[in-house]
Each structure stands twice: as C-alpha cells, then as structure tokens.
C-alpha cells in the first residue's frame, strides 16, 4: 500500500466513526508503571486507533496539544482518567533502535555484574571484619 491509499482509508474511517460518544480511560495501577490498563467503549477504541493512524502522517514531528497537536485525543479521555495524553512524537526508527553494542554485550555485562557485586560485598565485609580486630 502507498501513503496516498492509506490516507484515504484513514479519511474514510474518520468520516464513518463519530467523535461524539467515544471514551477511553488509561489507568496506572498501584503495582507501578509496568501495570497499565486501557479501557474504552467501542467508539473510543475506534477513534483512538484512527487518531494514532493519523499521527503516522503528521508532518510537524513533535507537537503538544496546547500548541495545536493534530491528534488531539483529549475529547476521548474520561473524566476520572489518571493518565492523559499530552504528547505525541513520531520518531525515526533508527533513533529508537537499541545500539548493536548494547544488544551484543548486555548478557555478558549482566553476568559479570552478578558475579562481581556479590564478590565485592563479601570482600568488603571481610576487610571490615579484619580491620575491626585491630
């Protein structure tokens, strides 16, 4: 598919799915930032998906809702949502990619640290115990 065709599909979906009545709620749970729930009604999920598809074609790069974000989803957020969408950013995939160096060496580095840290702790305790004898 080409961009022109995808944009026409997005425009058609945007016309077919109403902006009114859609609600989405994003909650972060007490367990921490790794536990997040997104709940929405049918229109909310559809409108959110359409807005995210539209964000892929945002030529402006980074925009904040207060300064004219084209993908303003504030109309979808429920009143009791504890997470709101204030920022959208389209990035170059190379920017988000983890460096090859890190991917290659992360396991050996982790193994090294798992060995060195306990040994260093034992060494420090031993030296402290030895020094306390004097």
N, C-alpha and C. Protein backbone atom coordinates (compact mmCIF):
# COMPACT_ATOMS: atom_id res chain seq x y z
N UNK A 1 0.83 -1.20 0.00
CA UNK A 1 0.00 0.00 0.00
C UNK A 1 0.87 1.24 0.00
N UNK A 2 0.39 2.26 -0.65
CA UNK A 2 1.13 3.50 -0.64
C UNK A 2 0.48 4.49 0.33
N UNK A 3 1.20 5.57 0.63
CA UNK A 3 0.72 6.55 1.61
C UNK A 3 -0.60 7.17 1.21
N UNK A 4 -0.76 7.44 -0.08
CA UNK A 4 -1.99 8.09 -0.54
C UNK A 4 -3.21 7.20 -0.26
N UNK A 5 -3.06 5.91 -0.51
CA UNK A 5 -4.15 4.97 -0.28
C UNK A 5 -4.47 4.85 1.22
N UNK A 6 -3.42 4.78 2.03
CA UNK A 6 -3.61 4.68 3.47
C UNK A 6 -4.29 5.93 4.01
N UNK A 7 -3.88 7.11 3.54
CA UNK A 7 -4.51 8.36 3.97
C UNK A 7 -5.99 8.39 3.60
N UNK A 8 -6.32 7.86 2.42
CA UNK A 8 -7.73 7.85 2.03
C UNK A 8 -8.54 6.90 2.91
N UNK A 9 -7.95 5.79 3.32
CA UNK A 9 -8.62 4.87 4.24
C UNK A 9 -8.84 5.55 5.59
N UNK A 10 -7.83 6.25 6.09
CA UNK A 10 -7.95 6.97 7.36
C UNK A 10 -9.04 8.02 7.28
N UNK A 11 -9.09 8.76 6.16
CA UNK A 11 -10.12 9.79 5.98
C UNK A 11 -11.52 9.17 5.96
N UNK A 12 -11.65 8.03 5.30
CA UNK A 12 -12.95 7.35 5.26
C UNK A 12 -13.36 6.88 6.65
N UNK A 13 -12.42 6.28 7.38
CA UNK A 13 -12.73 5.84 8.74
C UNK A 13 -13.09 7.02 9.63
N UNK A 14 -12.39 8.12 9.47
CA UNK A 14 -12.65 9.30 10.28
C UNK A 14 -14.04 9.85 10.03
N UNK A 15 -14.52 9.75 8.79
CA UNK A 15 -15.88 10.20 8.47
C UNK A 15 -16.93 9.25 9.03
N UNK A 16 -16.62 7.96 9.03
CA UNK A 16 -17.60 6.94 9.43
C UNK A 16 -17.75 6.80 10.95
N UNK A 17 -16.68 7.02 11.69
CA UNK A 17 -16.73 6.85 13.15
C UNK A 17 -16.89 8.22 13.79
N UNK A 18 -17.99 8.44 14.53
CA UNK A 18 -18.23 9.76 15.11
C UNK A 18 -17.26 10.08 16.24
N UNK A 19 -16.95 11.36 16.41
CA UNK A 19 -16.10 11.80 17.52
C UNK A 19 -16.88 11.82 18.83
N UNK A 20 -18.19 11.95 18.75
CA UNK A 20 -19.03 12.04 19.94
C UNK A 20 -19.29 10.64 20.49
N UNK A 21 -19.29 10.54 21.81
CA UNK A 21 -19.63 9.29 22.46
C UNK A 21 -18.47 8.37 22.74
N UNK A 22 -17.32 8.65 22.21
CA UNK A 22 -16.16 7.79 22.45
C UNK A 22 -15.50 8.15 23.77
N UNK A 23 -15.17 7.15 24.56
CA UNK A 23 -14.47 7.37 25.83
C UNK A 23 -13.36 6.35 25.98
N UNK A 24 -12.24 6.83 26.50
CA UNK A 24 -11.10 5.96 26.77
C UNK A 24 -10.54 6.34 28.12
N UNK A 25 -10.15 5.34 28.89
CA UNK A 25 -9.61 5.58 30.23
C UNK A 25 -8.31 4.79 30.35
N UNK A 26 -7.23 5.48 30.70
CA UNK A 26 -5.94 4.83 30.89
C UNK A 26 -5.60 4.97 32.36
N UNK A 27 -5.40 3.83 33.01
CA UNK A 27 -5.10 3.85 34.44
C UNK A 27 -3.79 3.15 34.71
N UNK A 28 -2.99 3.77 35.57
CA UNK A 28 -1.77 3.14 36.03
C UNK A 28 -2.07 2.61 37.42
N UNK A 29 -1.78 1.36 37.65
CA UNK A 29 -2.14 0.72 38.91
C UNK A 29 -1.07 0.90 39.96
N UNK A 30 -1.44 0.59 41.18
CA UNK A 30 -0.55 0.76 42.33
C UNK A 30 0.72 -0.06 42.17
N UNK A 31 0.66 -1.16 41.42
CA UNK A 31 1.83 -2.02 41.26
C UNK A 31 2.99 -1.31 40.56
N UNK A 32 2.71 -0.20 39.89
CA UNK A 32 3.79 0.56 39.26
C UNK A 32 3.53 0.84 37.80
N UNK A 33 4.51 1.49 37.15
CA UNK A 33 4.32 1.92 35.76
C UNK A 33 4.23 0.77 34.77
N UNK A 34 4.58 -0.43 35.18
CA UNK A 34 4.50 -1.57 34.27
C UNK A 34 3.11 -2.18 34.20
N UNK A 35 2.20 -1.70 35.05
CA UNK A 35 0.84 -2.23 35.08
C UNK A 35 -0.12 -1.10 34.71
N UNK A 36 -0.53 -1.08 33.48
CA UNK A 36 -1.41 -0.05 32.98
C UNK A 36 -2.59 -0.70 32.28
N UNK A 37 -3.77 -0.14 32.48
CA UNK A 37 -4.97 -0.65 31.85
C UNK A 37 -5.57 0.41 30.94
N UNK A 38 -5.93 0.01 29.74
CA UNK A 38 -6.67 0.88 28.83
C UNK A 38 -8.05 0.28 28.69
N UNK A 39 -9.06 1.03 29.08
CA UNK A 39 -10.43 0.57 28.90
C UNK A 39 -11.16 1.64 28.11
N UNK A 40 -12.02 1.21 27.21
CA UNK A 40 -12.74 2.15 26.36
C UNK A 40 -14.00 1.49 25.84
N UNK A 41 -14.92 2.34 25.37
CA UNK A 41 -16.07 1.78 24.67
C UNK A 41 -15.68 1.58 23.21
N UNK A 42 -16.57 1.02 22.43
CA UNK A 42 -16.26 0.69 21.04
C UNK A 42 -15.83 1.92 20.24
N UNK A 43 -16.59 2.99 20.37
CA UNK A 43 -16.26 4.21 19.63
C UNK A 43 -14.93 4.78 20.12
N UNK A 44 -14.65 4.68 21.41
CA UNK A 44 -13.39 5.17 21.96
C UNK A 44 -12.19 4.46 21.37
N UNK A 45 -12.25 3.12 21.32
CA UNK A 45 -11.15 2.37 20.72
C UNK A 45 -11.00 2.70 19.24
N UNK A 46 -12.12 2.79 18.53
CA UNK A 46 -12.05 3.09 17.09
C UNK A 46 -11.45 4.47 16.86
N UNK A 47 -11.93 5.48 17.59
CA UNK A 47 -11.42 6.85 17.40
C UNK A 47 -9.95 6.94 17.79
N UNK A 48 -9.56 6.26 18.87
CA UNK A 48 -8.15 6.28 19.28
C UNK A 48 -7.27 5.67 18.20
N UNK A 49 -7.72 4.56 17.62
CA UNK A 49 -6.97 3.92 16.54
C UNK A 49 -6.84 4.83 15.33
N UNK A 50 -7.93 5.51 14.99
CA UNK A 50 -7.91 6.43 13.85
C UNK A 50 -6.94 7.58 14.12
N UNK A 51 -6.98 8.11 15.33
CA UNK A 51 -6.08 9.21 15.67
C UNK A 51 -4.62 8.78 15.65
N UNK A 52 -4.35 7.55 16.07
CA UNK A 52 -2.97 7.05 16.03
C UNK A 52 -2.51 6.80 14.59
N UNK A 53 -3.42 6.29 13.76
CA UNK A 53 -3.07 6.14 12.34
C UNK A 53 -2.78 7.50 11.72
N UNK A 54 -3.58 8.48 12.07
CA UNK A 54 -3.38 9.82 11.55
C UNK A 54 -2.05 10.41 12.03
N UNK A 55 -1.63 10.04 13.23
CA UNK A 55 -0.37 10.55 13.77
C UNK A 55 0.84 10.10 12.94
N UNK A 56 0.70 8.97 12.26
CA UNK A 56 1.81 8.48 11.43
C UNK A 56 2.11 9.43 10.28
N UNK A 57 1.15 10.23 9.90
CA UNK A 57 1.33 11.14 8.76
C UNK A 57 1.44 12.59 9.19
N UNK A 58 1.73 12.83 10.46
CA UNK A 58 1.90 14.19 10.97
C UNK A 58 3.23 14.73 10.49
N UNK A 59 3.23 15.70 9.59
CA UNK A 59 4.49 16.21 9.06
C UNK A 59 5.23 17.11 10.04
N UNK A 60 4.56 17.55 11.10
CA UNK A 60 5.17 18.50 12.02
C UNK A 60 6.10 17.89 13.03
N UNK A 61 6.15 16.58 13.11
CA UNK A 61 7.03 15.96 14.09
C UNK A 61 6.41 15.98 15.47
N UNK A 62 6.98 16.78 16.37
CA UNK A 62 6.52 16.83 17.75
C UNK A 62 5.60 18.03 17.93
N UNK A 63 4.43 17.76 18.48
CA UNK A 63 3.50 18.86 18.79
C UNK A 63 2.79 18.56 20.09
N UNK A 64 2.54 19.56 20.85
CA UNK A 64 1.82 19.43 22.10
C UNK A 64 0.38 19.85 21.88
N UNK A 65 -0.51 19.21 22.62
CA UNK A 65 -1.95 19.50 22.47
C UNK A 65 -2.23 21.01 22.62
N UNK A 66 -1.57 21.64 23.58
CA UNK A 66 -1.83 23.07 23.83
C UNK A 66 -1.37 23.95 22.67
N UNK A 67 -0.45 23.45 21.85
CA UNK A 67 0.05 24.26 20.75
C UNK A 67 -0.41 23.75 19.39
N UNK A 68 -1.46 22.93 19.38
CA UNK A 68 -2.02 22.53 18.10
C UNK A 68 -1.71 21.13 17.65
N UNK A 69 -1.70 20.18 18.55
CA UNK A 69 -1.48 18.79 18.16
C UNK A 69 -2.62 18.31 17.27
N UNK A 70 -2.34 17.84 16.07
CA UNK A 70 -3.42 17.38 15.20
C UNK A 70 -4.16 16.17 15.75
N UNK A 71 -3.47 15.32 16.50
CA UNK A 71 -4.08 14.14 17.06
C UNK A 71 -4.53 14.40 18.49
N UNK A 72 -5.40 15.35 18.67
CA UNK A 72 -5.89 15.71 19.99
C UNK A 72 -6.89 14.65 20.45
N UNK A 73 -6.51 13.84 21.43
CA UNK A 73 -7.41 12.80 21.92
C UNK A 73 -8.00 13.17 23.27
N UNK A 74 -7.87 14.43 23.66
CA UNK A 74 -8.44 14.85 24.95
C UNK A 74 -9.95 14.64 24.96
N UNK A 75 -10.60 14.74 23.82
CA UNK A 75 -12.04 14.54 23.77
C UNK A 75 -12.43 13.11 24.11
N UNK A 76 -11.50 12.17 24.01
CA UNK A 76 -11.77 10.77 24.32
C UNK A 76 -11.57 10.43 25.79
N UNK A 77 -10.69 11.16 26.47
CA UNK A 77 -10.32 10.80 27.84
C UNK A 77 -11.48 10.99 28.79
N UNK A 78 -11.72 9.99 29.62
CA UNK A 78 -12.79 10.09 30.59
C UNK A 78 -12.37 11.04 31.71
N UNK A 79 -13.35 11.51 32.45
CA UNK A 79 -13.10 12.49 33.50
C UNK A 79 -12.22 11.90 34.60
N UNK A 80 -12.40 10.62 34.91
CA UNK A 80 -11.65 10.02 36.02
C UNK A 80 -10.35 9.35 35.58
N UNK A 81 -9.89 9.61 34.37
CA UNK A 81 -8.62 9.03 33.90
C UNK A 81 -7.47 9.62 34.70
N UNK A 82 -6.56 8.78 35.15
CA UNK A 82 -5.40 9.31 35.88
C UNK A 82 -4.18 9.47 34.98
N UNK A 83 -4.30 9.11 33.71
CA UNK A 83 -3.25 9.35 32.73
C UNK A 83 -3.91 10.00 31.52
N UNK A 84 -3.40 11.13 31.11
CA UNK A 84 -3.91 11.82 29.93
C UNK A 84 -2.83 11.84 28.86
N UNK A 85 -3.23 12.02 27.64
CA UNK A 85 -2.30 12.05 26.53
C UNK A 85 -1.95 13.49 26.22
N UNK A 86 -0.79 13.91 26.65
CA UNK A 86 -0.37 15.29 26.44
C UNK A 86 0.64 15.43 25.32
N UNK A 87 1.25 14.34 24.90
CA UNK A 87 2.37 14.45 23.98
C UNK A 87 2.37 13.27 23.02
N UNK A 88 2.55 13.56 21.77
CA UNK A 88 2.73 12.53 20.76
C UNK A 88 4.00 12.88 20.01
N UNK A 89 4.76 11.87 19.67
CA UNK A 89 6.01 12.11 18.98
C UNK A 89 6.23 11.01 17.96
N UNK A 90 6.44 11.40 16.74
CA UNK A 90 6.79 10.43 15.71
C UNK A 90 8.30 10.46 15.55
N UNK A 91 8.93 9.30 15.72
CA UNK A 91 10.39 9.25 15.67
C UNK A 91 10.86 8.39 14.52
N UNK A 92 12.05 8.67 14.11
CA UNK A 92 12.73 7.86 13.12
C UNK A 92 13.07 6.52 13.77
N UNK A 93 12.82 5.40 13.11
CA UNK A 93 13.11 4.10 13.74
C UNK A 93 14.56 3.94 14.17
N UNK A 94 15.51 4.57 13.48
CA UNK A 94 16.91 4.47 13.87
C UNK A 94 17.15 5.09 15.23
N UNK A 95 16.35 6.11 15.57
CA UNK A 95 16.50 6.78 16.85
C UNK A 95 16.06 5.87 17.99
N UNK A 96 15.06 5.03 17.75
CA UNK A 96 14.51 4.18 18.79
C UNK A 96 15.23 2.85 18.90
N UNK A 97 16.03 2.51 17.92
CA UNK A 97 16.71 1.23 17.91
C UNK A 97 17.81 1.19 18.96
N UNK A 98 17.90 0.08 19.66
CA UNK A 98 18.96 -0.11 20.65
C UNK A 98 20.25 -0.37 19.89
N UNK A 99 21.33 0.19 20.38
CA UNK A 99 22.59 0.04 19.67
C UNK A 99 23.01 -1.43 19.61
N UNK A 100 23.71 -1.77 18.56
CA UNK A 100 24.18 -3.14 18.40
C UNK A 100 25.15 -3.53 19.50
N UNK A 101 25.94 -2.57 19.95
CA UNK A 101 26.89 -2.84 21.01
C UNK A 101 26.16 -3.31 22.26
N UNK A 102 25.09 -2.61 22.63
CA UNK A 102 24.35 -2.98 23.83
C UNK A 102 23.70 -4.35 23.68
N UNK A 103 23.09 -4.59 22.52
CA UNK A 103 22.44 -5.89 22.30
C UNK A 103 23.45 -7.03 22.38
N UNK A 104 24.65 -6.79 21.88
CA UNK A 104 25.66 -7.84 21.83
C UNK A 104 26.25 -8.13 23.21
N UNK A 105 26.43 -7.12 24.04
CA UNK A 105 27.14 -7.27 25.30
C UNK A 105 26.27 -7.23 26.54
N UNK A 106 24.97 -7.11 26.44
CA UNK A 106 24.15 -6.96 27.64
C UNK A 106 24.16 -8.21 28.52
N UNK A 107 24.14 -9.40 27.95
CA UNK A 107 24.16 -10.62 28.76
C UNK A 107 25.52 -10.81 29.44
N UNK A 108 26.64 -10.69 28.72
CA UNK A 108 27.93 -10.83 29.42
C UNK A 108 28.14 -9.76 30.51
N UNK A 109 27.69 -8.55 30.26
CA UNK A 109 27.84 -7.49 31.27
C UNK A 109 26.99 -7.81 32.49
N UNK A 110 25.75 -8.25 32.27
CA UNK A 110 24.87 -8.61 33.39
C UNK A 110 25.48 -9.77 34.18
N UNK A 111 26.01 -10.78 33.50
CA UNK A 111 26.63 -11.92 34.19
C UNK A 111 27.85 -11.46 34.99
N UNK A 112 28.65 -10.60 34.39
CA UNK A 112 29.83 -10.08 35.08
C UNK A 112 29.42 -9.33 36.35
N UNK A 113 28.40 -8.47 36.24
CA UNK A 113 27.95 -7.71 37.41
C UNK A 113 27.35 -8.61 38.48
N UNK A 114 26.65 -9.64 38.06
CA UNK A 114 26.07 -10.57 39.04
C UNK A 114 27.14 -11.36 39.79
N UNK A 115 28.30 -11.49 39.20
CA UNK A 115 29.40 -12.17 39.88
C UNK A 115 30.23 -11.18 40.70
N UNK A 116 30.54 -10.03 40.12
CA UNK A 116 31.44 -9.07 40.76
C UNK A 116 30.81 -8.40 41.98
N UNK A 117 29.55 -8.02 41.90
CA UNK A 117 28.93 -7.31 43.03
C UNK A 117 28.89 -8.17 44.29
N UNK A 118 28.42 -9.41 44.23
CA UNK A 118 28.46 -10.22 45.46
C UNK A 118 29.89 -10.45 45.97
N UNK A 119 30.85 -10.69 45.05
CA UNK A 119 32.23 -10.88 45.48
C UNK A 119 32.78 -9.62 46.14
N UNK A 120 32.45 -8.46 45.60
CA UNK A 120 32.90 -7.20 46.20
C UNK A 120 32.29 -7.02 47.58
N UNK A 121 31.02 -7.38 47.73
CA UNK A 121 30.36 -7.27 49.04
C UNK A 121 31.03 -8.19 50.05
N UNK A 122 31.31 -9.42 49.67
CA UNK A 122 32.00 -10.36 50.56
C UNK A 122 33.39 -9.82 50.91
N UNK A 123 34.09 -9.29 49.93
CA UNK A 123 35.42 -8.73 50.18
C UNK A 123 35.37 -7.55 51.14
N UNK A 124 34.40 -6.66 50.98
CA UNK A 124 34.29 -5.51 51.88
C UNK A 124 33.96 -5.95 53.30
N UNK A 125 33.06 -6.92 53.43
CA UNK A 125 32.73 -7.43 54.77
C UNK A 125 33.96 -8.08 55.40
N UNK A 126 34.71 -8.84 54.62
CA UNK A 126 35.92 -9.49 55.13
C UNK A 126 36.96 -8.46 55.59
N UNK A 127 37.16 -7.44 54.77
CA UNK A 127 38.13 -6.38 55.13
C UNK A 127 37.66 -5.62 56.36
N UNK A 128 36.36 -5.31 56.44
CA UNK A 128 35.84 -4.61 57.61
C UNK A 128 36.00 -5.47 58.87
N UNK A 129 35.74 -6.75 58.76
CA UNK A 129 35.90 -7.67 59.90
C UNK A 129 37.38 -7.76 60.30
N UNK A 130 38.26 -7.82 59.33
CA UNK A 130 39.70 -7.90 59.59
C UNK A 130 40.19 -6.63 60.27
N UNK A 131 39.70 -5.44 59.80
CA UNK A 131 40.12 -4.17 60.38
C UNK A 131 39.56 -3.98 61.79
N UNK A 132 38.41 -4.58 62.06
CA UNK A 132 37.82 -4.42 63.40
C UNK A 132 38.61 -5.19 64.47
N UNK A 133 39.49 -6.10 64.10
CA UNK A 133 40.30 -6.84 65.05
C UNK A 133 41.41 -5.97 65.63
N UNK A 134 41.80 -4.94 64.90
CA UNK A 134 42.91 -4.09 65.36
C UNK A 134 42.46 -3.03 66.24
